[in-house]
N, C-alpha and C. Protein backbone atom coordinates (compact mmCIF):
# COMPACT_ATOMS: atom_id res chain seq x y z
N MET A 1 0.84 -1.18 0.00
CA MET A 1 0.03 -0.03 0.01
C MET A 1 0.89 1.25 -0.02
N LYS A 2 0.50 2.20 -0.80
CA LYS A 2 1.26 3.47 -0.90
C LYS A 2 0.47 4.51 -0.15
N LEU A 3 1.26 5.32 0.63
CA LEU A 3 0.60 6.47 1.28
C LEU A 3 0.56 7.58 0.30
N LYS A 4 -0.60 8.21 0.28
CA LYS A 4 -0.74 9.40 -0.64
C LYS A 4 -0.28 10.67 0.10
N TRP A 5 0.66 11.37 -0.50
CA TRP A 5 1.27 12.51 0.05
C TRP A 5 0.73 13.80 -0.59
N GLY A 6 0.52 14.78 0.20
CA GLY A 6 0.24 16.17 -0.27
C GLY A 6 1.33 17.10 0.31
N VAL A 7 1.61 18.13 -0.42
CA VAL A 7 2.70 19.07 0.00
C VAL A 7 2.10 20.47 0.05
N ILE A 8 2.25 21.09 1.20
CA ILE A 8 1.95 22.56 1.38
C ILE A 8 3.27 23.27 1.40
N GLY A 9 3.47 24.19 0.41
CA GLY A 9 4.71 24.79 0.17
C GLY A 9 5.63 24.09 -0.81
N SER A 10 5.03 23.87 -1.94
CA SER A 10 5.66 22.90 -2.93
C SER A 10 6.85 23.55 -3.69
N ALA A 11 6.97 24.86 -3.74
CA ALA A 11 7.94 25.48 -4.67
C ALA A 11 9.37 25.67 -4.13
N GLY A 12 9.55 25.41 -2.80
CA GLY A 12 10.88 25.68 -2.27
C GLY A 12 11.66 24.38 -2.06
N ILE A 13 12.04 24.07 -0.82
CA ILE A 13 12.84 22.89 -0.55
C ILE A 13 12.07 21.60 -0.98
N ALA A 14 10.82 21.66 -0.90
CA ALA A 14 10.01 20.45 -1.32
C ALA A 14 10.34 20.14 -2.84
N ARG A 15 10.35 21.20 -3.63
CA ARG A 15 10.62 20.95 -5.05
C ARG A 15 12.05 20.57 -5.36
N ARG A 16 12.93 21.16 -4.64
CA ARG A 16 14.38 20.90 -4.87
C ARG A 16 14.87 19.55 -4.32
N ARG A 17 14.36 19.23 -3.10
CA ARG A 17 14.92 18.05 -2.44
C ARG A 17 13.91 17.04 -2.04
N THR A 18 12.91 17.42 -1.26
CA THR A 18 12.09 16.38 -0.58
C THR A 18 11.20 15.62 -1.58
N ILE A 19 10.63 16.31 -2.52
CA ILE A 19 9.81 15.50 -3.50
C ILE A 19 10.64 14.62 -4.32
N PRO A 20 11.69 15.17 -5.03
CA PRO A 20 12.47 14.22 -5.91
C PRO A 20 13.24 13.18 -5.17
N GLU A 21 13.84 13.58 -4.06
CA GLU A 21 14.79 12.64 -3.33
C GLU A 21 14.09 11.81 -2.29
N GLY A 22 12.89 12.19 -1.85
CA GLY A 22 12.22 11.46 -0.76
C GLY A 22 10.96 10.80 -1.20
N ILE A 23 9.92 11.62 -1.46
CA ILE A 23 8.65 11.07 -1.85
C ILE A 23 8.68 10.25 -3.08
N MET A 24 9.33 10.80 -4.20
CA MET A 24 9.26 10.10 -5.47
C MET A 24 10.06 8.79 -5.47
N THR A 25 11.05 8.67 -4.57
CA THR A 25 11.92 7.49 -4.62
C THR A 25 11.45 6.43 -3.65
N ALA A 26 10.49 6.78 -2.77
CA ALA A 26 10.01 5.83 -1.76
C ALA A 26 9.02 4.86 -2.40
N SER A 27 9.22 3.55 -2.15
CA SER A 27 8.34 2.58 -2.78
C SER A 27 6.93 2.58 -2.13
N ASN A 28 6.78 3.15 -0.95
CA ASN A 28 5.53 3.16 -0.30
C ASN A 28 4.84 4.50 -0.26
N ALA A 29 5.28 5.40 -1.18
CA ALA A 29 4.74 6.77 -1.19
C ALA A 29 4.29 7.14 -2.58
N GLU A 30 3.28 8.00 -2.72
CA GLU A 30 2.80 8.55 -3.95
C GLU A 30 2.41 10.03 -3.81
N LEU A 31 3.05 10.90 -4.54
CA LEU A 31 2.66 12.31 -4.41
C LEU A 31 1.41 12.52 -5.26
N THR A 32 0.35 13.00 -4.61
CA THR A 32 -0.93 13.17 -5.26
C THR A 32 -1.43 14.59 -5.36
N ALA A 33 -0.99 15.46 -4.40
CA ALA A 33 -1.47 16.85 -4.44
C ALA A 33 -0.43 17.83 -3.92
N VAL A 34 -0.38 19.05 -4.51
CA VAL A 34 0.59 20.06 -4.07
C VAL A 34 -0.17 21.36 -3.92
N TYR A 35 0.31 22.24 -3.06
CA TYR A 35 -0.20 23.56 -2.97
C TYR A 35 1.00 24.53 -2.61
N ASP A 36 0.97 25.70 -3.25
CA ASP A 36 1.94 26.78 -2.88
C ASP A 36 1.30 28.11 -3.15
N ILE A 37 1.67 29.15 -2.45
CA ILE A 37 1.04 30.40 -2.62
C ILE A 37 1.39 31.07 -4.00
N ASP A 38 2.41 30.49 -4.69
CA ASP A 38 2.72 30.94 -6.05
C ASP A 38 2.04 29.92 -6.97
N PRO A 39 0.91 30.30 -7.57
CA PRO A 39 0.14 29.36 -8.39
C PRO A 39 0.97 28.86 -9.61
N ALA A 40 1.76 29.71 -10.25
CA ALA A 40 2.54 29.27 -11.43
C ALA A 40 3.59 28.21 -11.03
N ALA A 41 4.35 28.52 -9.91
CA ALA A 41 5.30 27.58 -9.46
C ALA A 41 4.63 26.26 -8.99
N ASN A 42 3.50 26.38 -8.38
CA ASN A 42 2.79 25.16 -7.94
C ASN A 42 2.38 24.31 -9.13
N ALA A 43 1.88 24.94 -10.16
CA ALA A 43 1.51 24.25 -11.36
C ALA A 43 2.68 23.50 -12.01
N GLU A 44 3.87 24.14 -12.01
CA GLU A 44 5.14 23.54 -12.55
C GLU A 44 5.48 22.33 -11.73
N VAL A 45 5.40 22.45 -10.37
CA VAL A 45 5.74 21.31 -9.49
C VAL A 45 4.70 20.14 -9.80
N ALA A 46 3.46 20.43 -9.89
CA ALA A 46 2.43 19.46 -10.06
C ALA A 46 2.73 18.68 -11.46
N ALA A 47 2.95 19.48 -12.50
CA ALA A 47 3.24 18.92 -13.83
C ALA A 47 4.57 18.03 -13.81
N ALA A 48 5.58 18.57 -13.13
CA ALA A 48 6.85 17.80 -13.10
C ALA A 48 6.79 16.53 -12.36
N PHE A 49 5.87 16.42 -11.36
CA PHE A 49 5.85 15.17 -10.58
C PHE A 49 4.53 14.43 -10.67
N GLY A 50 3.65 14.83 -11.60
CA GLY A 50 2.42 14.07 -11.84
C GLY A 50 1.40 14.18 -10.69
N ALA A 51 1.36 15.31 -10.05
CA ALA A 51 0.32 15.51 -8.94
C ALA A 51 -0.72 16.51 -9.33
N SER A 52 -1.77 16.61 -8.57
CA SER A 52 -2.78 17.65 -8.79
C SER A 52 -2.28 18.94 -8.08
N ALA A 53 -2.48 20.02 -8.84
CA ALA A 53 -2.18 21.35 -8.31
C ALA A 53 -3.37 21.90 -7.60
N CYS A 54 -3.35 21.97 -6.30
CA CYS A 54 -4.53 22.52 -5.52
C CYS A 54 -4.48 24.05 -5.51
N GLU A 55 -5.67 24.66 -5.60
CA GLU A 55 -5.67 26.11 -5.56
C GLU A 55 -5.66 26.80 -4.23
N SER A 56 -5.81 25.91 -3.20
CA SER A 56 -5.72 26.42 -1.82
C SER A 56 -5.29 25.27 -0.87
N GLU A 57 -4.86 25.70 0.25
CA GLU A 57 -4.55 24.78 1.34
C GLU A 57 -5.78 23.98 1.70
N ALA A 58 -6.88 24.63 1.79
CA ALA A 58 -8.14 23.89 2.18
C ALA A 58 -8.43 22.81 1.07
N ALA A 59 -8.24 23.13 -0.14
CA ALA A 59 -8.49 22.04 -1.18
C ALA A 59 -7.55 20.90 -1.00
N LEU A 60 -6.28 21.15 -0.69
CA LEU A 60 -5.36 20.03 -0.48
C LEU A 60 -5.82 19.22 0.76
N LEU A 61 -6.18 19.92 1.83
CA LEU A 61 -6.69 19.23 3.00
C LEU A 61 -7.98 18.43 2.79
N ALA A 62 -8.77 18.84 1.84
CA ALA A 62 -10.00 18.20 1.57
C ALA A 62 -9.80 17.01 0.64
N SER A 63 -8.64 16.90 0.06
CA SER A 63 -8.35 15.79 -0.86
C SER A 63 -8.12 14.50 -0.07
N ASP A 64 -7.84 13.41 -0.81
CA ASP A 64 -7.70 12.11 -0.20
C ASP A 64 -6.29 11.74 0.17
N VAL A 65 -5.45 12.82 0.41
CA VAL A 65 -4.07 12.52 0.85
C VAL A 65 -4.10 11.90 2.28
N ASP A 66 -3.11 11.09 2.55
CA ASP A 66 -2.97 10.45 3.84
C ASP A 66 -2.08 11.30 4.78
N VAL A 67 -1.04 11.89 4.11
CA VAL A 67 0.02 12.59 4.83
C VAL A 67 0.21 13.96 4.16
N VAL A 68 0.43 14.98 5.02
CA VAL A 68 0.69 16.26 4.51
C VAL A 68 2.13 16.69 4.91
N TYR A 69 2.96 16.97 3.95
CA TYR A 69 4.36 17.51 4.22
C TYR A 69 4.23 18.99 4.17
N ILE A 70 4.66 19.65 5.28
CA ILE A 70 4.60 21.09 5.36
C ILE A 70 5.99 21.68 5.21
N ALA A 71 6.15 22.45 4.12
CA ALA A 71 7.50 22.94 3.77
C ALA A 71 7.38 24.46 3.52
N THR A 72 6.74 25.10 4.47
CA THR A 72 6.55 26.53 4.42
C THR A 72 7.44 27.29 5.36
N PRO A 73 7.42 28.60 5.45
CA PRO A 73 8.13 29.34 6.46
C PRO A 73 7.64 28.91 7.82
N ALA A 74 8.51 28.85 8.82
CA ALA A 74 8.27 28.35 10.17
C ALA A 74 7.11 29.14 10.82
N LEU A 75 6.98 30.41 10.51
CA LEU A 75 5.91 31.16 11.05
C LEU A 75 4.50 30.63 10.80
N ASP A 76 4.33 29.85 9.70
CA ASP A 76 3.09 29.25 9.35
C ASP A 76 2.87 27.87 9.88
N HIS A 77 3.87 27.22 10.38
CA HIS A 77 3.81 25.80 10.67
C HIS A 77 2.77 25.45 11.71
N CYS A 78 2.65 26.09 12.85
CA CYS A 78 1.68 25.73 13.85
C CYS A 78 0.24 25.67 13.28
N GLY A 79 -0.16 26.75 12.65
CA GLY A 79 -1.51 26.75 12.07
C GLY A 79 -1.74 25.74 11.03
N GLN A 80 -0.75 25.49 10.19
CA GLN A 80 -0.90 24.52 9.11
C GLN A 80 -0.96 23.04 9.71
N VAL A 81 -0.08 22.78 10.74
CA VAL A 81 -0.14 21.50 11.35
C VAL A 81 -1.52 21.30 12.02
N CYS A 82 -1.99 22.28 12.67
CA CYS A 82 -3.29 22.12 13.39
C CYS A 82 -4.41 21.89 12.36
N ARG A 83 -4.42 22.64 11.25
CA ARG A 83 -5.53 22.43 10.21
C ARG A 83 -5.30 21.09 9.56
N ALA A 84 -4.11 20.65 9.30
CA ALA A 84 -3.94 19.29 8.71
C ALA A 84 -4.44 18.23 9.70
N ALA A 85 -4.13 18.34 10.99
CA ALA A 85 -4.58 17.43 11.97
C ALA A 85 -6.14 17.43 12.02
N ALA A 86 -6.70 18.60 11.99
CA ALA A 86 -8.17 18.76 12.09
C ALA A 86 -8.82 18.05 10.97
N ALA A 87 -8.09 17.98 9.83
CA ALA A 87 -8.62 17.29 8.61
C ALA A 87 -8.37 15.83 8.60
N GLY A 88 -7.74 15.36 9.71
CA GLY A 88 -7.44 13.90 9.80
C GLY A 88 -6.28 13.36 9.06
N LYS A 89 -5.30 14.34 8.76
CA LYS A 89 -4.17 14.00 7.95
C LYS A 89 -2.93 13.83 8.87
N HIS A 90 -2.13 12.79 8.62
CA HIS A 90 -0.87 12.71 9.31
C HIS A 90 0.02 13.86 8.83
N VAL A 91 0.97 14.28 9.63
CA VAL A 91 1.79 15.42 9.22
C VAL A 91 3.24 15.17 9.36
N PHE A 92 4.01 15.62 8.38
CA PHE A 92 5.43 15.68 8.41
C PHE A 92 5.77 17.10 8.11
N CYS A 93 6.38 17.78 9.18
CA CYS A 93 6.60 19.25 9.12
C CYS A 93 8.14 19.50 9.05
N GLU A 94 8.52 20.42 8.21
CA GLU A 94 9.93 20.85 8.32
C GLU A 94 10.23 21.52 9.61
N LYS A 95 11.52 21.52 9.92
CA LYS A 95 11.98 22.22 11.16
C LYS A 95 11.93 23.73 11.05
N PRO A 96 11.76 24.46 12.02
CA PRO A 96 11.32 24.07 13.37
C PRO A 96 9.78 23.83 13.34
N LEU A 97 9.28 23.05 14.28
CA LEU A 97 7.81 22.75 14.28
C LEU A 97 7.05 24.01 14.44
N ALA A 98 7.48 24.96 15.24
CA ALA A 98 6.78 26.20 15.45
C ALA A 98 7.77 27.26 15.97
N MET A 99 7.15 28.44 16.22
CA MET A 99 8.01 29.58 16.60
C MET A 99 8.27 29.65 18.12
N THR A 100 7.37 28.99 18.93
CA THR A 100 7.54 29.02 20.39
C THR A 100 7.21 27.67 20.99
N VAL A 101 7.57 27.47 22.20
CA VAL A 101 7.25 26.20 22.89
C VAL A 101 5.75 26.07 23.02
N GLY A 102 5.02 27.19 23.25
CA GLY A 102 3.63 27.11 23.30
C GLY A 102 2.94 26.67 22.03
N GLU A 103 3.41 27.19 20.94
CA GLU A 103 2.94 26.75 19.61
C GLU A 103 3.26 25.31 19.39
N CYS A 104 4.41 24.82 19.78
CA CYS A 104 4.75 23.42 19.69
C CYS A 104 3.71 22.56 20.43
N ASP A 105 3.41 22.95 21.71
CA ASP A 105 2.47 22.25 22.46
C ASP A 105 1.10 22.22 21.77
N THR A 106 0.68 23.37 21.17
CA THR A 106 -0.56 23.46 20.47
C THR A 106 -0.62 22.42 19.33
N ALA A 107 0.52 22.41 18.53
CA ALA A 107 0.52 21.47 17.40
C ALA A 107 0.52 19.97 17.87
N LEU A 108 1.28 19.72 18.86
CA LEU A 108 1.21 18.38 19.45
C LEU A 108 -0.08 17.95 19.90
N GLN A 109 -0.78 18.89 20.66
CA GLN A 109 -2.12 18.50 21.21
C GLN A 109 -3.12 18.36 20.01
N ALA A 110 -3.06 19.14 18.97
CA ALA A 110 -3.92 19.02 17.83
C ALA A 110 -3.80 17.67 17.19
N CYS A 111 -2.60 17.22 17.03
CA CYS A 111 -2.37 15.93 16.41
C CYS A 111 -2.88 14.82 17.31
N ALA A 112 -2.57 14.93 18.63
CA ALA A 112 -2.91 13.89 19.56
C ALA A 112 -4.47 13.80 19.63
N ALA A 113 -5.11 14.94 19.61
CA ALA A 113 -6.60 14.95 19.71
C ALA A 113 -7.26 14.24 18.54
N LYS A 114 -6.64 14.30 17.36
CA LYS A 114 -7.21 13.65 16.21
C LYS A 114 -6.61 12.23 15.90
N GLY A 115 -5.61 11.83 16.78
CA GLY A 115 -4.99 10.54 16.54
C GLY A 115 -4.19 10.43 15.31
N VAL A 116 -3.57 11.53 14.90
CA VAL A 116 -2.69 11.49 13.71
C VAL A 116 -1.24 11.59 14.11
N HIS A 117 -0.37 10.94 13.27
CA HIS A 117 1.09 11.07 13.63
C HIS A 117 1.64 12.36 13.21
N LEU A 118 2.67 12.83 13.93
CA LEU A 118 3.34 14.09 13.61
C LEU A 118 4.79 13.80 13.63
N GLY A 119 5.57 14.12 12.53
CA GLY A 119 6.96 14.00 12.40
C GLY A 119 7.54 15.38 12.07
N VAL A 120 8.79 15.62 12.53
CA VAL A 120 9.46 16.89 12.22
C VAL A 120 10.75 16.50 11.49
N GLY A 121 11.00 17.18 10.37
CA GLY A 121 12.21 16.92 9.60
C GLY A 121 13.37 17.63 10.26
N LEU A 122 14.27 16.82 10.79
CA LEU A 122 15.40 17.34 11.48
C LEU A 122 16.61 16.42 11.19
N MET A 123 17.70 17.07 10.71
CA MET A 123 18.89 16.32 10.36
C MET A 123 19.59 15.78 11.62
């Protein structure tokens, strides 16, 4: 079984490293949806990797993805993790998880409340 991945923040590190080197090479993963605030760049990423280009974060979260990879600026992480968890999606977030310890606690609690897994990309 392949996990369906969605990416929020597709045009930066996700495009350069995580999608081609991680998601696309994993035998148990399938990239199905991407979203970025830059619609043109998002469309390019979607075309390059055979995914659907979502017009909003909400559209990506409403899709059938199993896991959401969050590759946006850290200032957005807490809210995006909480919204992904509320949508019942597992989350893999780039570092740092949030801007404060309190925001980290909020993100952790949101995932625990929905029973979804949370991972943080840290070398």
